[in-house]
Amino acid sequence: MARESESGLPIEPVYGPGALEGWDPAQKLGEPGAYPFTRGVYPTMYTGRPWTMRQYAGFGTATESNARYKQLIANGTMGLSVAFDLPTQMGHDSDAPIAHGEVGKVGVAIDSVDDMRVLFGGIPLDKVSTSMTINAPAALLLLLYQLVAEEQGVSADQLTGTIQNDVLKEYIARGTYIFPPKPSLRLIADIFKYCRAEIPKWNTISISGYHMAEAGASPAQEIAFTLADGIEYVRTAVAAGMDVDDFAPRLSFFFVARTTILEEVAKFRAARRIWARVMKDEFGAKNPKSMMLRFHTQTAGVQLTAQQPEVNLVRVAVQGLAAVLGGTQSLHTNSFDEAIALPTDKSARLALRTQQVLAYETDVTATVDPFAGSYVIEKMTDEVEAAALELMDKVEDLGGAVAAIERGFQKNEIERNAYRIAQETDSGERVVVGVNRFQLDEEEPYEPLRVDPAIEAQQAERLAKLRAERDQPAVDAALKELKKAAEGADNVLYPMKDALKARATVGEVCNALREVWGTYVPSDVF
C-alpha cells in the first residue's frame, strides 16, 4: 500500500523507468549552476567548499549574546545569525508597558545603537557574515549594524549578510507585523534601493517559508506561499521603478528541513526550478543570478520534542542531511534542548558539530546533487512542483499574495494542514518517537538555561541613561524628518539612519512611522 508524503502525495513502494516516462532531462534538470537550477545554483556546489554554517543565537542582554557569538566563532561557526526578543521584533522599547515580561526572552533586546555596539563588540564586521531575523523593523536593525560598522572603520560596501525583512509571511503565519501591507511593501522597496546604493553586498530580504512550515504548512504549501510572496516583492520593486536585474540577485529565501528526507530534497529542487522560470518568463530577468533561488535552511523546530530531548540530536542530523542533499547555501542546526528552553553552550556546540560531521566526515560533499536521476526523487520533484504551482495559481486568482492574505487564504490552508497533522499524531497514525510511541515511564531531569528576569530592569536603566545623555532636540528634529519622508515619497532609510545615529530608540522610530502609516489589524474573512 502506498504511503503519503507530507504534502499528501502518494509515495510508491517501488519506482522504475515508468515513473519518468516522457521525462526530458534537459528541460527538467539542466546542469548544476545553470538554468533552471534544479541541480543547484553553483556548478561545483560543496565540492569546492561546504555550505555556510550559521548558528542562530541571541538572548538576554547584548553583553550575554556577544559572549555566545564569540564562543560560536571560536568553535568554527562561519556566519552569525541574530535572534531578537519579541519587543524588538515588534518595534517596542524594553521599558514600554507592552514589553513587560518579554524582554530578552526569545532573543536579544536591542533598543538603540548603544545596544548594537555592545552586541558586536570585538567582532570584526568586515570578516563576519551576519544574518538578522527581523522583519517589520528590519530597516532599523540594518542601519544600526551599519552605524556600528562605521564606528569600527568598516565601510558599508564591505558588509555581508542578510536581513529577513519578509513581512508578508508575518501576516500569514507568525504575527510580528507592525504596519499595514502597503506601507510595509513601500519600506521594503526603500530598503532594496538603499542597499543597492549603500550596502551592495547585503542580501536585502530572506523570503521565508520556515515559519509557515512551523505553523503547519506542508512542503508544497511552504514553497507555494513563499514563492508567491517573492513574486509580490519583485512586483513591488519593479513598480517602484527598479530594473529586475538591479535587485533580484540579492534576494534570498529561507526554508525548513524536516525529517522526511526524500520529499525535502524534492521540495528544494522544485522550488529552484519554479523560481527560475518565474523570474525568466514573468519578469524578463536576463542576469542568471536573478533566476537563482539561493536559500538558508533551518532544521525543523516544530519536530523537536521535550520528551527524551536527546533524541532530537538524531532528528537534527537527519534534517540537516536533507538540507545538504537538497543543496542549501547555509544551514542552522537546532540544539537538542530547544523544545525545553534556550540552548545551553554545550547543546549549541553539539548542534554546530552536527554540521561539521556532515561536511567533513561524510561523502555527501564529494559530488553535486547526489540524487539527480533517481526515479523517486525526480518523480517527487515533479509532483511537489505541480502541487505548489496549483496553489500559486489560486493565490494569483485571488489577486496576488497581499490580496490573498487579506482574504485569509494562506492562513486558512496552513491551519487546515496543521489540524490534519495534529489528528494523525493524536491517533498514532503519525509516529513521534517518545511522544506517542516508545515513551519512558519517567523522564530524566534536565536543567535548562534560564534568562534572568532582572534584564528588563537593566534595559530600562540603560534607556533612562541614554535619554538623559543624548541631544534631545537633535533626536526630535531627526524624527520629524523621518515622518516627513514617510508622508511623502522620499526613501525613509536616510532620515531613519540620522535618527538612529542621534540615539533615537527602536521604539521611538517605529512610533514615528506608526503615526504616519498606522498599524495592521488582521481580519478573518476567507
Protein backbone atom coordinates (compact mmCIF):
# COMPACT_ATOMS: atom_id res chain seq x y z
CA MET A 1 0.00 0.00 0.00
CA ALA A 2 1.36 3.42 -0.96
CA ARG A 3 2.22 5.90 1.77
CA GLU A 4 1.52 9.60 1.54
CA SER A 5 4.13 12.34 1.69
CA GLU A 6 3.86 15.35 4.00
CA SER A 7 2.13 17.17 1.13
CA GLY A 8 -0.43 14.38 0.78
CA LEU A 9 1.14 12.99 -2.40
CA PRO A 10 1.45 9.21 -2.90
CA ILE A 11 4.82 7.54 -2.31
CA GLU A 12 5.00 4.25 -4.18
CA PRO A 13 6.86 1.23 -2.74
CA VAL A 14 8.94 0.90 -5.91
CA TYR A 15 9.83 3.36 -8.67
CA GLY A 16 11.24 2.45 -12.06
CA PRO A 17 11.74 3.93 -15.53
CA GLY A 18 7.98 4.16 -16.00
CA ALA A 19 7.81 6.86 -13.34
CA LEU A 20 9.70 9.18 -15.69
CA GLU A 21 8.06 8.21 -18.97
CA GLY A 22 8.28 11.15 -21.39
CA TRP A 23 10.55 12.95 -18.95
CA ASP A 24 13.07 15.34 -20.57
CA PRO A 25 16.34 15.61 -18.57
CA ALA A 26 17.46 18.70 -20.49
CA GLN A 27 14.27 20.58 -19.61
CA LYS A 28 13.85 19.27 -16.07
CA LEU A 29 17.46 19.10 -14.90
CA GLY A 30 19.98 21.09 -16.87
CA GLU A 31 23.49 21.29 -15.45
CA PRO A 32 24.43 22.33 -11.91
CA GLY A 33 24.75 26.10 -11.78
CA ALA A 34 22.71 26.57 -14.96
CA TYR A 35 19.04 27.30 -15.73
CA PRO A 36 16.64 26.01 -14.41
CA PHE A 37 18.97 25.34 -11.44
CA THR A 38 17.21 22.13 -10.39
CA ARG A 39 20.61 20.64 -9.56
CA GLY A 40 21.87 23.60 -7.56
CA VAL A 41 22.76 27.25 -8.07
CA TYR A 42 26.53 26.74 -8.36
CA PRO A 43 28.38 24.39 -10.74
CA THR A 44 30.59 22.90 -8.02
CA MET A 45 28.22 23.23 -5.03
CA TYR A 46 30.00 21.73 -1.97
CA THR A 47 32.86 20.06 -3.85
CA GLY A 48 34.91 23.25 -3.51
CA ARG A 49 33.70 24.46 -0.10
CA PRO A 50 30.85 23.48 2.21
CA TRP A 51 27.74 25.49 2.89
CA THR A 52 27.91 28.41 5.34
CA MET A 53 27.41 27.09 8.86
CA ARG A 54 25.27 29.60 10.72
CA GLN A 55 24.08 29.27 14.29
CA TYR A 56 21.02 31.25 15.32
CA ALA A 57 21.67 32.82 18.71
CA GLY A 58 20.65 35.74 20.86
CA PHE A 59 19.19 36.03 24.34
CA GLY A 60 19.08 38.33 27.31
CA THR A 61 21.33 41.36 27.05
CA ALA A 62 23.66 42.36 24.25
CA THR A 63 26.60 41.51 26.53
CA GLU A 64 25.42 37.90 27.02
CA SER A 65 24.71 37.40 23.33
CA ASN A 66 28.09 38.86 22.39
CA ALA A 67 29.78 36.24 24.58
CA ARG A 68 27.78 33.44 22.87
CA TYR A 69 28.75 34.76 19.41
CA LYS A 70 32.42 34.73 20.30
CA GLN A 71 32.11 31.14 21.54
CA LEU A 72 30.40 30.09 18.31
CA ILE A 73 33.09 31.76 16.20
CA ALA A 74 35.79 30.03 18.26
CA ASN A 75 34.02 26.69 17.64
CA GLY A 76 34.05 27.17 13.87
CA THR A 77 30.82 28.99 13.01
CA MET A 78 31.22 30.67 9.62
CA GLY A 79 28.33 33.13 10.00
CA LEU A 80 26.31 34.66 12.79
CA SER A 81 22.51 34.63 12.89
CA VAL A 82 20.89 37.02 15.35
CA ALA A 83 17.71 36.28 17.29
CA PHE A 84 15.93 39.36 18.64
CA ASP A 85 13.49 39.42 21.53
CA LEU A 86 9.79 39.95 20.93
CA PRO A 87 9.67 43.67 21.86
CA THR A 88 12.47 44.41 19.38
CA GLN A 89 10.69 42.38 16.68
CA MET A 90 7.51 44.40 17.30
CA GLY A 91 9.26 47.78 17.38
CA HIS A 92 8.86 48.46 21.12
CA ASP A 93 11.46 49.63 23.63
CA SER A 94 12.27 47.41 26.61
CA ASP A 95 10.67 49.88 29.02
CA ALA A 96 7.36 50.07 27.12
CA PRO A 97 4.44 48.63 29.14
CA ILE A 98 3.62 46.21 26.32
CA ALA A 99 7.14 44.74 26.56
CA HIS A 100 6.75 43.66 30.19
CA GLY A 101 7.73 40.03 30.75
CA GLU A 102 9.19 39.53 27.26
CA VAL A 103 12.50 41.41 27.40
CA GLY A 104 15.40 39.18 26.38
CA LYS A 105 13.29 36.02 26.43
CA VAL A 106 13.32 34.69 22.85
CA GLY A 107 16.26 36.73 21.66
CA VAL A 108 18.46 39.68 22.47
CA ALA A 109 16.99 43.05 23.45
CA ILE A 110 18.15 45.87 21.16
CA ASP A 111 16.81 49.32 21.96
CA SER A 112 19.40 51.65 20.42
CA VAL A 113 22.78 51.96 18.74
CA ASP A 114 24.30 51.62 22.21
CA ASP A 115 22.99 48.04 22.48
CA MET A 116 24.06 47.19 18.93
CA ARG A 117 27.57 48.45 19.71
CA VAL A 118 27.78 46.04 22.65
CA LEU A 119 26.28 43.16 20.68
CA PHE A 120 29.05 43.26 18.07
CA GLY A 121 31.88 44.49 20.28
CA GLY A 122 35.16 42.79 19.38
CA ILE A 123 33.64 41.10 16.31
CA PRO A 124 35.17 42.30 13.01
CA LEU A 125 32.18 43.11 10.81
CA ASP A 126 34.28 43.15 7.64
CA LYS A 127 35.11 39.46 8.18
CA VAL A 128 31.86 38.03 9.61
CA SER A 129 28.66 37.45 7.64
CA THR A 130 25.63 38.27 9.77
CA SER A 131 22.02 37.24 9.28
CA MET A 132 19.37 39.10 11.28
CA THR A 133 15.97 37.51 11.84
CA ILE A 134 13.99 40.72 11.90
CA ASN A 135 11.05 41.75 9.74
CA ALA A 136 8.82 44.77 10.35
CA PRO A 137 11.70 46.83 11.84
CA ALA A 138 14.36 45.26 9.59
CA ALA A 139 15.46 48.62 8.20
CA LEU A 140 16.26 49.88 11.71
CA LEU A 141 18.42 46.91 12.68
CA LEU A 142 20.28 47.01 9.37
CA LEU A 143 21.05 50.72 9.86
CA LEU A 144 22.17 50.12 13.45
CA TYR A 145 24.51 47.41 12.12
CA GLN A 146 25.86 49.84 9.51
CA LEU A 147 26.41 52.52 12.15
CA VAL A 148 28.38 50.13 14.37
CA ALA A 149 30.43 49.01 11.36
CA GLU A 150 31.26 52.62 10.54
CA GLU A 151 32.41 53.11 14.14
CA GLN A 152 34.74 50.13 13.62
CA GLY A 153 36.09 51.77 10.46
CA VAL A 154 34.36 49.26 8.20
CA SER A 155 32.74 50.78 5.12
CA ALA A 156 29.22 49.71 4.15
CA ASP A 157 30.39 48.19 0.88
CA GLN A 158 32.38 45.61 2.89
CA LEU A 159 29.38 44.36 4.86
CA THR A 160 27.89 40.96 4.01
CA GLY A 161 24.81 39.33 5.47
CA THR A 162 21.04 39.16 5.31
CA ILE A 163 18.00 40.75 6.89
CA GLN A 164 14.91 38.57 6.87
CA ASN A 165 12.68 41.57 6.05
CA ASP A 166 9.81 39.30 4.96
CA VAL A 167 6.74 40.95 6.40
CA LEU A 168 4.17 39.17 4.22
CA LYS A 169 4.76 35.86 5.97
CA GLU A 170 4.17 37.66 9.29
CA TYR A 171 0.58 38.31 8.23
CA ILE A 172 0.25 34.66 7.18
CA ALA A 173 1.93 32.66 9.93
CA ARG A 174 3.93 34.48 12.57
CA GLY A 175 2.34 37.74 13.68
CA THR A 176 5.25 40.13 14.33
CA TYR A 177 3.93 42.76 11.93
CA ILE A 178 3.61 46.47 12.68
CA PHE A 179 2.36 48.41 9.66
CA PRO A 180 -0.32 47.51 7.06
CA PRO A 181 0.83 45.69 3.91
CA LYS A 182 1.01 48.70 1.57
CA PRO A 183 3.44 50.84 3.62
CA SER A 184 5.32 47.68 4.61
CA LEU A 185 5.95 46.93 0.94
CA ARG A 186 6.96 50.55 0.34
CA LEU A 187 9.51 50.22 3.18
CA ILE A 188 10.90 47.04 1.62
CA ALA A 189 11.28 48.78 -1.75
CA ASP A 190 13.14 51.61 0.03
CA ILE A 191 15.47 49.02 1.59
CA PHE A 192 16.17 47.50 -1.85
CA LYS A 193 17.09 50.93 -3.24
CA TYR A 194 19.14 51.92 -0.20
CA CYS A 195 21.18 48.73 -0.19
CA ARG A 196 21.86 48.86 -3.91
CA ALA A 197 23.36 52.33 -3.39
CA GLU A 198 24.94 51.96 0.06
CA ILE A 199 25.39 48.27 1.07
CA PRO A 200 25.70 46.45 -2.27
CA LYS A 201 26.79 43.03 -0.93
CA TRP A 202 23.89 42.76 1.52
CA ASN A 203 21.03 40.31 0.93
CA THR A 204 18.05 42.61 1.28
CA ILE A 205 15.38 40.03 2.04
CA SER A 206 15.11 36.39 3.06
CA ILE A 207 11.71 35.30 1.85
CA SER A 208 10.66 32.77 4.41
CA GLY A 209 8.71 29.55 4.27
CA TYR A 210 10.22 28.32 7.52
CA HIS A 211 7.66 29.99 9.76
CA MET A 212 4.78 28.79 7.59
CA ALA A 213 6.11 25.25 7.97
CA GLU A 214 6.39 25.71 11.73
CA ALA A 215 2.74 26.82 11.73
CA GLY A 216 1.76 23.61 9.94
CA ALA A 217 2.30 24.17 6.20
CA SER A 218 3.06 21.13 4.08
CA PRO A 219 6.20 21.20 1.87
CA ALA A 220 4.09 22.10 -1.18
CA GLN A 221 2.32 24.88 0.75
CA GLU A 222 5.64 26.10 2.14
CA ILE A 223 7.23 26.73 -1.25
CA ALA A 224 3.99 27.84 -2.95
CA PHE A 225 3.19 30.60 -0.47
CA THR A 226 6.84 31.60 -0.10
CA LEU A 227 7.38 31.98 -3.83
CA ALA A 228 4.05 33.82 -4.14
CA ASP A 229 5.35 36.30 -1.54
CA GLY A 230 8.58 36.57 -3.53
CA ILE A 231 6.62 37.44 -6.67
CA GLU A 232 4.80 40.18 -4.73
CA TYR A 233 8.11 41.68 -3.57
CA VAL A 234 9.53 41.65 -7.10
CA ARG A 235 6.38 43.31 -8.47
CA THR A 236 6.62 45.97 -5.76
CA ALA A 237 10.24 46.77 -6.61
CA VAL A 238 9.55 46.87 -10.35
CA ALA A 239 6.54 49.15 -9.76
CA ALA A 240 8.84 51.43 -7.73
CA GLY A 241 10.97 51.89 -10.85
CA MET A 242 13.74 49.35 -10.27
CA ASP A 243 15.08 47.08 -13.00
CA VAL A 244 14.67 43.45 -12.01
CA ASP A 245 18.34 42.65 -12.56
CA ASP A 246 19.36 45.51 -10.27
CA PHE A 247 17.90 43.89 -7.14
CA ALA A 248 16.92 40.28 -7.82
CA PRO A 249 20.46 38.86 -7.41
CA ARG A 250 20.34 39.96 -3.74
CA LEU A 251 17.07 38.17 -2.98
CA SER A 252 17.36 35.06 -0.84
CA PHE A 253 14.98 32.52 0.69
CA PHE A 254 14.60 30.63 3.96
CA PHE A 255 13.14 27.13 4.26
CA VAL A 256 12.70 24.39 6.82
CA ALA A 257 14.25 20.92 6.70
CA ARG A 258 12.07 18.14 8.11
CA THR A 259 12.95 14.53 8.89
CA THR A 260 11.25 13.34 5.67
CA ILE A 261 14.43 13.38 3.60
CA LEU A 262 13.10 12.39 0.18
CA GLU A 263 10.30 14.95 -0.01
CA GLU A 264 12.50 17.69 1.44
CA VAL A 265 15.14 17.12 -1.25
CA ALA A 266 12.40 17.16 -3.89
CA LYS A 267 10.94 20.36 -2.37
CA PHE A 268 14.22 22.28 -2.60
CA ARG A 269 14.81 21.16 -6.19
CA ALA A 270 11.24 22.06 -7.21
CA ALA A 271 11.49 25.50 -5.60
CA ARG A 272 14.63 26.34 -7.55
CA ARG A 273 13.03 25.30 -10.82
CA ILE A 274 9.81 27.25 -10.25
CA TRP A 275 11.63 30.44 -9.24
CA ALA A 276 14.00 30.31 -12.22
CA ARG A 277 11.08 30.08 -14.64
CA VAL A 278 9.07 32.81 -12.92
CA MET A 279 11.99 35.24 -12.99
CA LYS A 280 12.80 34.49 -16.61
CA ASP A 281 9.30 34.24 -18.06
CA GLU A 282 7.25 36.69 -15.96
CA PHE A 283 9.83 39.33 -15.12
CA GLY A 284 12.19 39.03 -18.08
CA ALA A 285 15.32 38.67 -15.97
CA LYS A 286 18.47 38.48 -18.07
CA ASN A 287 21.10 38.01 -15.37
CA PRO A 288 21.36 34.31 -14.39
CA LYS A 289 21.89 35.41 -10.77
CA SER A 290 18.39 36.92 -10.83
CA MET A 291 17.00 33.47 -11.56
CA MET A 292 18.94 31.65 -8.83
CA LEU A 293 16.95 30.68 -5.76
CA ARG A 294 19.60 30.90 -3.04
CA PHE A 295 18.36 29.81 0.36
CA HIS A 296 19.18 29.32 4.01
CA THR A 297 17.78 26.32 5.85
CA GLN A 298 16.95 25.72 9.48
CA THR A 299 16.13 22.32 10.88
CA ALA A 300 12.52 21.88 11.99
CA GLY A 301 11.98 23.28 15.46
CA VAL A 302 8.38 22.11 15.43
CA GLN A 303 9.55 18.49 15.20
CA LEU A 304 11.67 18.72 18.35
CA THR A 305 10.22 17.15 21.48
CA ALA A 306 10.55 17.94 25.17
CA GLN A 307 10.19 14.21 25.84
CA GLN A 308 13.54 12.36 25.63
CA PRO A 309 15.20 15.52 24.27
CA GLU A 310 18.46 13.74 23.38
CA VAL A 311 16.55 12.02 20.54
CA ASN A 312 16.43 15.48 18.94
CA LEU A 313 20.15 15.09 18.18
CA VAL A 314 19.19 12.32 15.75
CA ARG A 315 16.30 14.30 14.30
CA VAL A 316 18.50 17.34 13.69
CA ALA A 317 21.19 15.24 12.00
CA VAL A 318 18.60 13.75 9.63
CA GLN A 319 17.07 17.16 8.93
CA GLY A 320 20.49 18.69 8.31
CA LEU A 321 21.28 15.89 5.87
CA ALA A 322 18.05 16.62 3.98
CA ALA A 323 19.05 20.29 3.65
CA VAL A 324 22.51 19.42 2.37
CA LEU A 325 21.26 16.82 -0.10
CA GLY A 326 18.76 19.46 -1.27
CA GLY A 327 21.51 21.99 -1.98
CA THR A 328 21.17 24.68 0.69
CA GLN A 329 23.57 27.65 0.71
CA SER A 330 23.66 27.97 4.50
CA LEU A 331 22.35 25.95 7.41
CA HIS A 332 21.38 26.35 11.04
CA THR A 333 21.00 23.17 13.06
CA ASN A 334 18.77 23.42 16.11
CA SER A 335 20.01 22.46 19.55
CA PHE A 336 18.50 19.34 21.09
CA ASP A 337 17.12 21.18 24.12
CA GLU A 338 15.21 23.93 22.29
CA ALA A 339 11.83 22.32 22.97
CA ILE A 340 12.53 22.97 26.67
CA ALA A 341 14.34 26.30 26.85
CA LEU A 342 17.10 28.40 25.30
CA PRO A 343 20.08 26.26 24.24
CA THR A 344 22.98 25.82 26.64
CA ASP A 345 26.56 26.38 25.49
CA LYS A 346 27.06 22.61 25.20
CA SER A 347 23.90 21.96 23.19
CA ALA A 348 24.68 24.84 20.81
CA ARG A 349 28.15 23.40 20.28
CA LEU A 350 26.73 19.93 19.59
CA ALA A 351 24.38 21.43 17.01
CA LEU A 352 27.32 23.01 15.21
CA ARG A 353 29.32 19.78 15.45
CA THR A 354 26.43 18.03 13.67
CA GLN A 355 27.01 20.22 10.62
CA GLN A 356 30.75 19.69 10.81
CA VAL A 357 30.31 15.90 10.81
CA LEU A 358 28.08 16.16 7.73
CA ALA A 359 30.61 18.40 5.98
CA TYR A 360 33.85 16.67 6.88
CA GLU A 361 33.10 13.03 7.81
CA THR A 362 30.54 12.02 5.17
CA ASP A 363 30.87 11.87 1.40
CA VAL A 364 27.79 13.98 0.58
CA THR A 365 30.04 16.92 -0.35
CA ALA A 366 32.02 14.86 -2.86
CA THR A 367 29.53 15.19 -5.72
CA VAL A 368 26.92 17.69 -6.84
CA ASP A 369 23.21 16.77 -6.46
CA PRO A 370 23.70 13.12 -5.43
CA PHE A 371 20.05 12.19 -6.08
CA ALA A 372 19.85 13.53 -9.64
CA GLY A 373 18.24 10.96 -11.94
CA SER A 374 16.77 8.96 -9.07
CA TYR A 375 13.38 7.69 -10.16
CA VAL A 376 11.76 8.53 -6.84
CA ILE A 377 13.39 11.95 -6.38
CA GLU A 378 12.68 13.14 -9.91
CA LYS A 379 9.07 11.93 -9.72
CA MET A 380 8.56 13.56 -6.31
CA THR A 381 10.19 16.78 -7.54
CA ASP A 382 7.69 16.92 -10.41
CA GLU A 383 4.76 16.19 -8.09
CA VAL A 384 5.75 18.76 -5.45
CA GLU A 385 6.28 21.30 -8.23
CA ALA A 386 2.82 20.61 -9.68
CA ALA A 387 1.14 20.85 -6.25
CA ALA A 388 2.94 24.11 -5.48
CA LEU A 389 2.05 25.63 -8.86
CA GLU A 390 -1.61 24.76 -8.31
CA LEU A 391 -1.58 26.67 -5.01
CA MET A 392 0.29 29.59 -6.58
CA ASP A 393 -2.38 29.79 -9.29
CA LYS A 394 -5.04 30.02 -6.57
CA VAL A 395 -3.16 32.92 -4.96
CA GLU A 396 -2.99 34.64 -8.35
CA ASP A 397 -6.71 34.10 -8.91
CA LEU A 398 -7.34 35.96 -5.64
CA GLY A 399 -5.28 38.92 -6.88
CA GLY A 400 -1.79 38.04 -5.65
CA ALA A 401 -0.17 37.41 -2.26
CA VAL A 402 -1.39 40.56 -0.48
CA ALA A 403 -4.97 40.19 -1.68
CA ALA A 404 -4.93 36.52 -0.67
CA ILE A 405 -3.52 37.44 2.76
CA GLU A 406 -6.33 39.96 3.24
CA ARG A 407 -8.79 37.18 2.43
CA GLY A 408 -7.06 34.85 4.91
CA PHE A 409 -6.42 32.24 2.20
CA GLN A 410 -2.88 31.13 3.07
CA LYS A 411 -3.55 31.15 6.80
CA ASN A 412 -6.67 29.05 6.34
CA GLU A 413 -4.88 26.48 4.16
CA ILE A 414 -1.98 26.17 6.61
CA GLU A 415 -4.28 25.79 9.61
CA ARG A 416 -6.22 23.06 7.82
CA ASN A 417 -2.99 21.13 7.24
CA ALA A 418 -1.83 21.71 10.83
CA TYR A 419 -5.11 20.24 12.07
CA ARG A 420 -4.56 17.15 9.89
CA ILE A 421 -1.07 16.67 11.38
CA ALA A 422 -2.41 17.05 14.93
CA GLN A 423 -5.14 14.48 14.28
CA GLU A 424 -2.67 11.99 12.84
CA THR A 425 -0.35 12.45 15.82
CA ASP A 426 -3.15 12.09 18.36
CA SER A 427 -4.41 8.92 16.70
CA GLY A 428 -0.93 7.39 16.49
CA GLU A 429 -1.06 7.20 12.69
CA ARG A 430 1.88 9.63 12.64
CA VAL A 431 4.61 8.24 14.90
CA VAL A 432 6.54 10.69 17.08
CA VAL A 433 9.22 8.82 18.99
CA GLY A 434 8.96 9.43 22.72
CA VAL A 435 5.59 11.16 22.41
CA ASN A 436 3.05 8.61 21.12
CA ARG A 437 5.40 5.62 20.75
CA PHE A 438 8.44 4.40 22.67
CA GLN A 439 7.74 6.56 25.73
CA LEU A 440 9.58 6.40 29.05
CA ASP A 441 7.73 5.87 32.30
CA GLU A 442 9.69 8.73 33.81
CA GLU A 443 11.67 11.47 32.06
CA GLU A 444 15.22 12.18 33.17
CA PRO A 445 15.67 15.60 34.84
CA TYR A 446 17.16 18.35 32.67
CA GLU A 447 18.43 21.73 33.82
CA PRO A 448 17.67 24.34 31.14
CA LEU A 449 19.27 27.72 30.56
CA ARG A 450 17.08 30.45 32.02
CA VAL A 451 17.04 34.19 31.28
CA ASP A 452 17.47 36.43 34.31
CA PRO A 453 14.22 38.45 34.76
CA ALA A 454 16.35 41.35 36.05
CA ILE A 455 17.32 42.03 32.41
CA GLU A 456 14.13 44.06 31.91
CA ALA A 457 15.07 46.47 34.70
CA GLN A 458 18.65 46.68 33.40
CA GLN A 459 17.45 47.61 29.91
CA ALA A 460 15.09 50.23 31.40
CA GLU A 461 18.02 51.76 33.27
CA ARG A 462 20.11 51.86 30.07
CA LEU A 463 17.26 53.59 28.24
CA ALA A 464 16.81 56.19 31.01
CA LYS A 465 20.55 56.92 30.89
CA LEU A 466 20.50 57.19 27.08
CA ARG A 467 17.59 59.64 27.08
CA ALA A 468 19.27 61.77 29.75
CA GLU A 469 22.60 61.94 27.88
CA ARG A 470 21.56 62.41 24.25
CA ASP A 471 20.86 65.63 22.36
CA GLN A 472 17.05 65.54 22.53
CA PRO A 473 16.44 68.43 20.07
CA ALA A 474 18.57 66.57 17.52
CA VAL A 475 16.51 63.42 18.06
CA ASP A 476 13.24 65.35 17.72
CA ALA A 477 14.41 67.02 14.52
CA ALA A 478 15.53 63.71 13.01
CA LEU A 479 12.22 62.01 13.85
CA LYS A 480 10.37 64.94 12.29
CA GLU A 481 12.33 64.47 9.06
CA LEU A 482 11.57 60.75 9.16
CA LYS A 483 7.84 61.38 9.40
CA LYS A 484 8.06 63.89 6.56
CA ALA A 485 9.73 61.27 4.32
CA ALA A 486 7.14 58.65 5.34
CA GLU A 487 4.32 61.03 4.41
CA GLY A 488 5.88 61.64 1.00
CA ALA A 489 7.82 59.52 -1.48
CA ASP A 490 11.42 60.00 -0.31
CA ASN A 491 13.43 56.99 0.82
CA VAL A 492 12.85 56.72 4.56
CA LEU A 493 16.12 54.95 5.34
CA TYR A 494 18.26 58.10 5.10
CA PRO A 495 16.39 60.13 7.74
CA MET A 496 15.92 56.90 9.73
CA LYS A 497 19.69 56.45 9.87
CA ASP A 498 20.11 60.05 11.04
CA ALA A 499 17.60 59.47 13.84
CA LEU A 500 19.27 56.26 15.00
CA LYS A 501 22.70 57.90 14.86
CA ALA A 502 21.33 60.66 17.11
CA ARG A 503 20.44 57.80 19.52
CA ALA A 504 16.72 57.65 18.88
CA THR A 505 15.42 54.30 20.11
CA VAL A 506 13.89 51.48 18.08
CA GLY A 507 10.52 52.17 19.73
CA GLU A 508 10.67 55.91 19.02
CA VAL A 509 11.49 55.38 15.35
CA CYS A 510 8.73 52.77 14.94
CA ASN A 511 6.25 55.00 16.78
CA ALA A 512 7.06 57.86 14.40
CA LEU A 513 6.16 55.59 11.48
CA ARG A 514 3.08 54.29 13.28
CA GLU A 515 1.82 57.88 13.47
CA VAL A 516 2.03 58.16 9.68
CA TRP A 517 1.30 54.64 8.44
CA GLY A 518 -0.89 53.21 11.20
CA THR A 519 -0.81 49.59 12.37
CA TYR A 520 -2.15 46.41 10.83
CA VAL A 521 -5.31 44.82 12.22
CA PRO A 522 -5.90 41.31 10.82
CA SER A 523 -9.25 40.15 9.53
CA ASP A 524 -10.51 36.60 9.01
CA VAL A 525 -12.82 36.90 6.04
CA PHE A 526 -11.95 33.92 3.84
